[in-house]
Structure formats: structure tokens, C-alpha cells
N, C-alpha and C. Protein backbone atom coordinates (compact mmCIF):
# COMPACT_ATOMS: atom_id res chain seq x y z
N MET A 1 20.58 -12.48 -29.64
CA MET A 1 20.98 -13.09 -27.89
C MET A 1 20.89 -12.30 -26.89
N GLU A 2 20.46 -12.87 -25.73
CA GLU A 2 20.36 -11.79 -24.93
C GLU A 2 21.32 -11.93 -23.75
N THR A 3 22.11 -10.93 -23.66
CA THR A 3 23.10 -11.15 -22.22
C THR A 3 22.72 -10.85 -20.64
N ILE A 4 23.45 -12.15 -20.27
CA ILE A 4 23.05 -12.14 -18.48
C ILE A 4 23.82 -11.13 -17.88
N LYS A 5 23.48 -10.43 -17.25
CA LYS A 5 24.04 -9.48 -16.31
C LYS A 5 24.36 -10.04 -14.62
N PRO A 6 25.80 -9.86 -14.93
CA PRO A 6 25.75 -10.48 -13.53
C PRO A 6 25.24 -9.59 -12.22
N VAL A 7 24.67 -10.29 -11.30
CA VAL A 7 23.70 -9.55 -10.55
C VAL A 7 25.35 -9.30 -9.41
N SER A 8 25.15 -7.95 -9.00
CA SER A 8 26.18 -7.29 -7.88
C SER A 8 25.93 -7.61 -6.43
N GLU A 9 26.74 -7.76 -5.66
CA GLU A 9 26.46 -8.05 -4.23
C GLU A 9 25.44 -7.07 -3.44
N THR A 10 24.94 -6.15 -3.61
CA THR A 10 24.24 -5.01 -3.49
C THR A 10 22.78 -5.61 -3.87
N GLU A 11 22.72 -5.84 -5.02
CA GLU A 11 21.54 -6.65 -5.77
C GLU A 11 21.05 -7.53 -5.04
N ARG A 12 22.02 -8.48 -4.84
CA ARG A 12 22.00 -9.66 -4.01
C ARG A 12 21.04 -9.34 -2.55
N LEU A 13 21.89 -8.53 -1.93
CA LEU A 13 21.66 -7.79 -0.52
C LEU A 13 20.00 -7.80 -0.69
N ILE A 14 20.01 -6.89 -1.55
CA ILE A 14 18.69 -6.16 -1.79
C ILE A 14 17.43 -7.12 -1.95
N GLN A 15 17.55 -8.01 -2.88
CA GLN A 15 16.55 -9.10 -2.91
C GLN A 15 16.40 -10.04 -1.86
N ASP A 16 17.24 -10.29 -1.34
CA ASP A 16 17.52 -11.33 0.04
C ASP A 16 16.54 -9.93 1.02
N CYS A 17 16.57 -9.04 1.41
CA CYS A 17 15.54 -8.05 2.05
C CYS A 17 14.21 -7.83 2.08
N ILE A 18 14.23 -8.25 0.72
CA ILE A 18 12.66 -8.42 0.19
C ILE A 18 12.10 -9.46 0.44
N LYS A 19 12.82 -10.40 0.36
CA LYS A 19 12.55 -11.68 0.59
C LYS A 19 11.89 -12.09 2.55
N GLY A 20 12.96 -10.99 3.13
CA GLY A 20 12.43 -10.95 4.58
C GLY A 20 13.61 -11.78 5.30
N ASP A 21 14.84 -11.69 4.88
CA ASP A 21 16.09 -12.25 5.70
C ASP A 21 15.99 -11.52 6.30
N ARG A 22 16.50 -11.62 7.78
CA ARG A 22 16.65 -10.43 8.62
C ARG A 22 18.04 -10.42 8.73
N SER A 23 19.09 -11.28 8.49
CA SER A 23 20.44 -11.15 8.59
C SER A 23 20.82 -10.05 7.43
N ALA A 24 20.06 -10.26 6.43
CA ALA A 24 20.42 -9.41 5.33
C ALA A 24 19.83 -7.77 5.42
N GLN A 25 19.09 -7.85 6.04
CA GLN A 25 18.70 -6.73 6.52
C GLN A 25 19.73 -5.98 7.54
N GLY A 26 20.13 -6.85 8.26
CA GLY A 26 20.85 -6.09 9.28
C GLY A 26 22.47 -5.96 8.46
N ARG A 27 22.60 -6.76 7.70
CA ARG A 27 23.76 -6.07 6.69
C ARG A 27 23.74 -5.21 6.03
N LEU A 28 22.63 -5.01 5.69
CA LEU A 28 22.36 -3.63 4.65
C LEU A 28 22.48 -2.51 5.44
N TYR A 29 21.94 -2.80 6.67
CA TYR A 29 22.00 -1.62 7.78
C TYR A 29 23.23 -1.09 7.98
N GLN A 30 24.15 -1.98 8.19
CA GLN A 30 25.42 -2.16 8.80
C GLN A 30 26.41 -1.26 7.76
N LEU A 31 26.09 -1.72 6.50
CA LEU A 31 26.94 -1.38 5.13
C LEU A 31 26.29 0.34 5.28
N TYR A 32 25.19 0.63 5.13
CA TYR A 32 24.92 2.04 5.04
C TYR A 32 24.98 2.92 6.34
N ALA A 33 24.66 2.63 7.14
CA ALA A 33 24.24 3.31 8.48
C ALA A 33 25.24 4.45 8.79
N THR A 34 26.34 3.82 8.74
CA THR A 34 27.12 5.46 8.95
C THR A 34 27.33 6.53 8.00
N LYS A 35 27.14 6.04 6.82
CA LYS A 35 27.22 7.06 5.68
C LYS A 35 26.09 7.97 6.17
N MET A 36 24.84 7.00 6.35
CA MET A 36 23.45 7.70 6.40
C MET A 36 23.07 8.60 7.64
N LEU A 37 24.09 8.14 8.89
CA LEU A 37 23.95 9.14 10.23
C LEU A 37 24.51 10.01 9.79
N ARG A 38 25.70 10.70 8.81
CA ARG A 38 26.32 11.71 8.83
C ARG A 38 25.09 12.48 7.88
N VAL A 39 24.41 12.23 6.85
CA VAL A 39 23.49 13.19 6.18
C VAL A 39 22.61 13.59 7.14
N CYS A 40 21.96 12.31 8.24
CA CYS A 40 21.03 12.79 9.06
C CYS A 40 21.86 13.96 9.89
N LEU A 41 22.87 14.36 10.65
CA LEU A 41 23.35 14.95 11.13
C LEU A 41 23.69 16.19 10.49
N ARG A 42 23.45 16.37 9.49
CA ARG A 42 23.77 17.59 8.56
C ARG A 42 22.07 18.45 8.67
N TYR A 43 20.75 17.96 9.11
CA TYR A 43 19.97 18.42 9.12
C TYR A 43 19.29 18.34 10.59
N ALA A 44 19.79 17.49 11.39
CA ALA A 44 19.46 17.26 12.78
C ALA A 44 19.99 18.51 13.49
N LYS A 45 19.41 18.64 14.75
CA LYS A 45 19.74 19.53 15.78
C LYS A 45 20.86 19.22 16.61
N ASN A 46 20.96 17.64 16.83
CA ASN A 46 21.69 16.86 17.82
C ASN A 46 21.92 15.57 17.32
N LYS A 47 22.73 14.85 17.74
CA LYS A 47 22.76 13.34 17.27
C LYS A 47 21.81 12.83 17.77
N GLU A 48 20.76 12.69 18.75
CA GLU A 48 19.92 12.00 19.00
C GLU A 48 18.68 12.36 18.16
N GLU A 49 18.71 13.24 17.74
CA GLU A 49 17.39 13.43 16.43
C GLU A 49 17.99 13.01 15.27
N ALA A 50 19.29 13.23 15.14
CA ALA A 50 19.94 12.62 13.81
C ALA A 50 19.48 10.75 13.79
N GLU A 51 19.65 10.14 14.75
CA GLU A 51 19.61 8.73 15.16
C GLU A 51 18.48 8.52 14.95
N ASP A 52 17.53 9.23 15.53
CA ASP A 52 15.89 9.09 15.30
C ASP A 52 15.78 8.98 13.45
N ILE A 53 15.92 10.11 12.93
CA ILE A 53 15.88 10.46 11.68
C ILE A 53 16.17 8.88 10.87
N LEU A 54 17.51 8.30 11.09
CA LEU A 54 18.15 7.68 10.70
C LEU A 54 17.18 6.00 10.93
N GLN A 55 16.71 6.10 11.89
CA GLN A 55 15.71 4.82 12.18
C GLN A 55 14.49 4.93 11.30
N GLU A 56 14.10 6.26 11.53
CA GLU A 56 12.42 6.41 10.66
C GLU A 56 13.25 6.13 9.05
N GLY A 57 14.12 6.53 8.63
CA GLY A 57 14.69 6.26 7.30
C GLY A 57 14.91 4.98 6.83
N PHE A 58 15.36 4.41 7.76
CA PHE A 58 15.40 2.89 7.48
C PHE A 58 14.24 2.19 7.48
N MET A 59 13.43 2.57 8.34
CA MET A 59 11.99 2.00 8.26
C MET A 59 11.43 1.90 6.89
N LYS A 60 11.39 3.12 6.55
CA LYS A 60 10.85 3.67 5.23
C LYS A 60 11.61 2.92 3.96
N VAL A 61 13.01 2.76 4.09
CA VAL A 61 14.11 2.07 3.18
C VAL A 61 13.11 0.30 3.10
N PHE A 62 13.47 -0.04 4.16
CA PHE A 62 12.88 -1.42 4.02
C PHE A 62 11.37 -1.87 3.70
N THR A 63 10.52 -1.02 4.10
CA THR A 63 9.40 -1.02 3.49
C THR A 63 8.97 -0.64 1.86
N GLY A 64 9.99 -0.03 1.49
CA GLY A 64 10.25 0.41 0.20
C GLY A 64 11.07 -0.40 -0.77
N LEU A 65 11.59 -1.29 -0.55
CA LEU A 65 12.42 -1.96 -1.19
C LEU A 65 12.29 -2.17 -2.54
N ARG A 66 10.71 -2.74 -2.38
CA ARG A 66 10.51 -3.16 -3.61
C ARG A 66 10.01 -1.98 -4.93
N GLN A 67 9.95 -0.87 -4.28
CA GLN A 67 10.15 0.29 -5.43
C GLN A 67 11.21 0.47 -6.04
N PHE A 68 12.48 0.21 -5.68
CA PHE A 68 13.97 0.69 -5.80
C PHE A 68 13.81 -0.55 -7.19
N ASN A 69 14.65 0.42 -8.16
CA ASN A 69 14.19 -0.30 -9.71
C ASN A 69 15.90 -0.62 -10.29
N PHE A 70 16.81 -0.59 -9.23
CA PHE A 70 18.02 -1.14 -9.76
C PHE A 70 18.55 -0.23 -10.52
N GLU A 71 18.14 0.81 -11.19
CA GLU A 71 18.35 1.62 -12.43
C GLU A 71 19.81 2.34 -11.85
N GLY A 72 19.21 3.35 -10.70
CA GLY A 72 20.52 4.38 -10.18
C GLY A 72 20.95 3.73 -8.95
N SER A 73 21.69 4.68 -8.56
CA SER A 73 22.23 4.25 -7.46
C SER A 73 21.89 4.04 -6.08
N PHE A 74 21.90 2.81 -5.35
CA PHE A 74 20.88 2.59 -4.49
C PHE A 74 21.44 3.62 -2.86
N GLU A 75 22.86 3.72 -3.10
CA GLU A 75 23.21 4.77 -1.90
C GLU A 75 22.43 6.17 -2.23
N GLY A 76 22.45 6.70 -3.48
CA GLY A 76 21.54 7.85 -3.53
C GLY A 76 19.82 7.45 -3.15
N TRP A 77 19.48 6.74 -3.45
CA TRP A 77 18.08 6.21 -2.93
C TRP A 77 17.83 6.36 -1.97
N ILE A 78 18.89 5.66 -1.31
CA ILE A 78 18.65 5.62 0.51
C ILE A 78 19.03 7.06 1.02
N ARG A 79 19.75 7.89 0.40
CA ARG A 79 20.03 9.27 0.80
C ARG A 79 18.94 10.31 0.88
N LYS A 80 18.41 9.89 -0.46
CA LYS A 80 17.33 11.12 -0.53
C LYS A 80 15.75 10.40 0.04
N ILE A 81 15.94 9.25 0.55
CA ILE A 81 14.80 8.98 1.51
C ILE A 81 15.06 9.52 3.10
N MET A 82 16.29 9.55 3.49
CA MET A 82 16.64 9.91 4.70
C MET A 82 16.52 11.61 4.80
N VAL A 83 17.23 12.33 3.83
CA VAL A 83 16.82 13.92 3.50
C VAL A 83 15.41 14.05 3.76
N ASN A 84 14.71 13.36 3.05
CA ASN A 84 13.19 13.44 3.02
C ASN A 84 12.64 13.29 4.24
N CYS A 85 13.16 12.23 5.00
CA CYS A 85 12.77 12.21 6.69
C CYS A 85 13.08 13.36 7.50
N ALA A 86 14.32 13.57 7.25
CA ALA A 86 14.82 14.86 7.85
C ALA A 86 13.90 15.96 7.56
N LEU A 87 13.56 16.22 6.85
CA LEU A 87 12.80 17.53 6.15
C LEU A 87 11.66 17.52 6.42
N GLN A 88 10.55 15.94 6.74
CA GLN A 88 9.34 15.91 7.30
C GLN A 88 9.67 16.20 8.79
N LYS A 89 10.68 15.75 9.36
CA LYS A 89 10.88 16.09 11.03
C LYS A 89 10.63 17.69 10.86
N TYR A 90 11.97 18.40 10.05
CA TYR A 90 11.68 19.85 10.55
C TYR A 90 10.33 20.42 10.81
N ARG A 91 9.86 20.13 9.24
CA ARG A 91 8.51 20.37 8.88
C ARG A 91 7.44 20.41 10.21
N GLY A 92 7.43 19.25 10.40
CA GLY A 92 6.66 19.10 11.60
C GLY A 92 6.87 19.52 12.94
N ASN A 93 8.10 19.93 13.39
CA ASN A 93 8.51 20.41 14.45
C ASN A 93 8.13 21.96 14.29
N THR A 94 8.12 22.74 13.20
CA THR A 94 8.15 23.92 13.10
C THR A 94 6.48 24.10 13.02
N LYS A 95 5.94 23.17 12.95
CA LYS A 95 4.27 23.57 12.66
C LYS A 95 4.21 23.52 13.93
N LEU A 96 4.53 22.18 14.86
CA LEU A 96 3.92 22.25 16.32
C LEU A 96 4.53 23.26 17.37
N HIS A 97 5.90 23.85 16.96
CA HIS A 97 6.06 24.97 17.62
C HIS A 97 5.11 26.44 17.21
N ALA A 98 4.74 26.46 15.98
CA ALA A 98 3.93 27.50 15.73
C ALA A 98 2.55 27.45 16.53
N ILE A 99 2.37 25.94 16.46
CA ILE A 99 0.83 26.08 17.43
C ILE A 99 1.02 26.04 18.58
N VAL A 100 1.70 26.08 19.43
CA VAL A 100 1.84 25.78 20.79
C VAL A 100 2.30 27.56 21.18
N THR A 101 2.84 28.33 20.02
CA THR A 101 3.14 29.73 20.29
C THR A 101 1.71 30.35 20.03
N ILE A 102 1.02 30.04 19.47
CA ILE A 102 -0.59 30.48 19.56
C ILE A 102 -1.28 30.23 20.61
N ASP A 103 -1.36 29.09 20.76
CA ASP A 103 -2.26 28.59 21.88
C ASP A 103 -1.68 29.14 23.31
N GLU A 104 -0.29 29.44 23.41
CA GLU A 104 0.07 30.44 24.86
C GLU A 104 -0.23 31.43 25.23
N ASN A 105 -0.61 32.41 23.55
CA ASN A 105 -0.90 33.74 23.69
C ASN A 105 -2.57 33.92 23.64
N GLN A 106 -3.31 32.72 23.33
CA GLN A 106 -4.46 32.96 23.06
C GLN A 106 -5.26 33.32 24.09
N HIS A 107 -4.94 33.11 25.25
CA HIS A 107 -5.61 33.49 26.32
C HIS A 107 -5.71 34.79 26.81
N GLU A 108 -4.42 35.10 26.76
CA GLU A 108 -3.89 36.77 27.00
C GLU A 108 -4.84 37.80 25.89
N ILE A 109 -4.56 37.46 24.45
CA ILE A 109 -5.27 38.09 23.57
C ILE A 109 -6.95 38.27 23.63
N GLY A 110 -7.63 37.18 23.68
CA GLY A 110 -9.05 37.19 23.88
C GLY A 110 -9.81 37.81 24.61
N GLU A 111 -9.45 38.28 25.65
CA GLU A 111 -10.13 39.16 26.43
C GLU A 111 -10.20 40.58 25.92
N PRO A 112 -11.41 41.06 25.84
CA PRO A 112 -11.60 42.49 25.39
C PRO A 112 -10.57 43.46 25.92
N GLU A 113 -10.50 43.20 27.44
CA GLU A 113 -9.25 44.40 28.11
C GLU A 113 -7.82 44.34 27.78
N ASN A 114 -8.00 42.91 27.46
CA ASN A 114 -6.38 42.89 27.02
C ASN A 114 -6.31 43.19 25.88
N VAL A 115 -7.06 43.24 24.61
CA VAL A 115 -6.86 43.64 23.54
C VAL A 115 -6.82 45.29 23.55
N ILE A 116 -7.57 45.70 24.31
CA ILE A 116 -7.31 47.50 24.49
C ILE A 116 -6.30 47.70 25.02
N ALA A 117 -5.81 46.88 26.05
CA ALA A 117 -4.44 47.18 26.42
C ALA A 117 -3.41 47.09 25.12
N LEU A 118 -3.29 46.22 24.34
CA LEU A 118 -2.36 46.00 23.49
C LEU A 118 -2.53 46.92 22.52
N LEU A 119 -3.40 48.06 21.97
CA LEU A 119 -3.58 49.05 21.10
C LEU A 119 -3.23 50.06 21.83
N GLY A 120 -2.10 50.71 21.11
CA GLY A 120 -1.70 52.32 21.25
C GLY A 120 -2.35 53.09 20.72
N THR A 121 -2.30 54.35 21.32
CA THR A 121 -3.40 55.84 21.67
C THR A 121 -3.83 55.86 20.05
N LYS A 122 -2.73 55.89 19.44
CA LYS A 122 -3.22 56.19 17.96
C LYS A 122 -4.22 55.27 17.28
N GLU A 123 -3.95 54.01 17.73
CA GLU A 123 -5.02 52.87 17.23
C GLU A 123 -6.47 53.36 17.91
N LEU A 124 -6.74 53.74 19.21
CA LEU A 124 -7.34 53.88 19.66
C LEU A 124 -8.44 55.03 19.35
N LEU A 125 -7.99 56.09 19.10
CA LEU A 125 -8.22 57.79 18.79
C LEU A 125 -9.08 57.15 17.17
N LEU A 126 -8.51 56.37 16.32
CA LEU A 126 -8.96 56.17 14.60
C LEU A 126 -10.50 55.50 14.91
């Protein structure tokens, strides 16, 4: 005989969110936003950036709710999404910074007279 497992409040909330219930989405956000903002603040440069990460993370949470399998901790699942969003933002910022740095110096180094000026006496004699 199969036992019926009672549905927790969180599971019911998740199922309502999957069905598109806006009030359930609001309740889910209110339930986890403060905790997840603290997670985002650990990775962000400032509160504004942490709030951006939080919003992006919750967008991914809501679009990916069907993928949650109810086996592990829902809070842990959300936390993992927030950390991944923060890391993606960090990786994106460092790549952008590196590209800007290269482009800024490209016109200076590209000219033959600038290259010669950058070389030391020893390199010129070799």
C-alpha cells in the first residue's frame, strides 16, 4: 500500500508558481528575497549590484521551477542559482574590462614608431 505524503507549504507554493499564480510568485519572492540578497551581497561590489543579481536570479528561479525535483532543499536550490548568477556577472565584468583595456592601448602600440619607442636598448641591439 502506498502512503500519501503530505504536501508542504513550500511545495504547494512552488506548484502554484508553476501554474502561473502571480500572488504565489510574490509570496515566494518575499519568503526568500532577504536571505538571497545576503548571498548576493557576498559576491557583489555593492548593494545595487547585489540587487541586480537577485533580480536576475529570481527570473531564473521562476523560469526553472519545473526543473526542481522536490528531493533536496528548495532554499539550497535557489542559493545555487543566485551564486551562479553572481559568478556569471563577475566573469562577464572581468572579460569586458580586459577587452576595454586591450582596445584602449591598441592604437598606441600598433604604430611602428610606438613599438620601437617601447623597446629597450638591449632589445634593439639583438
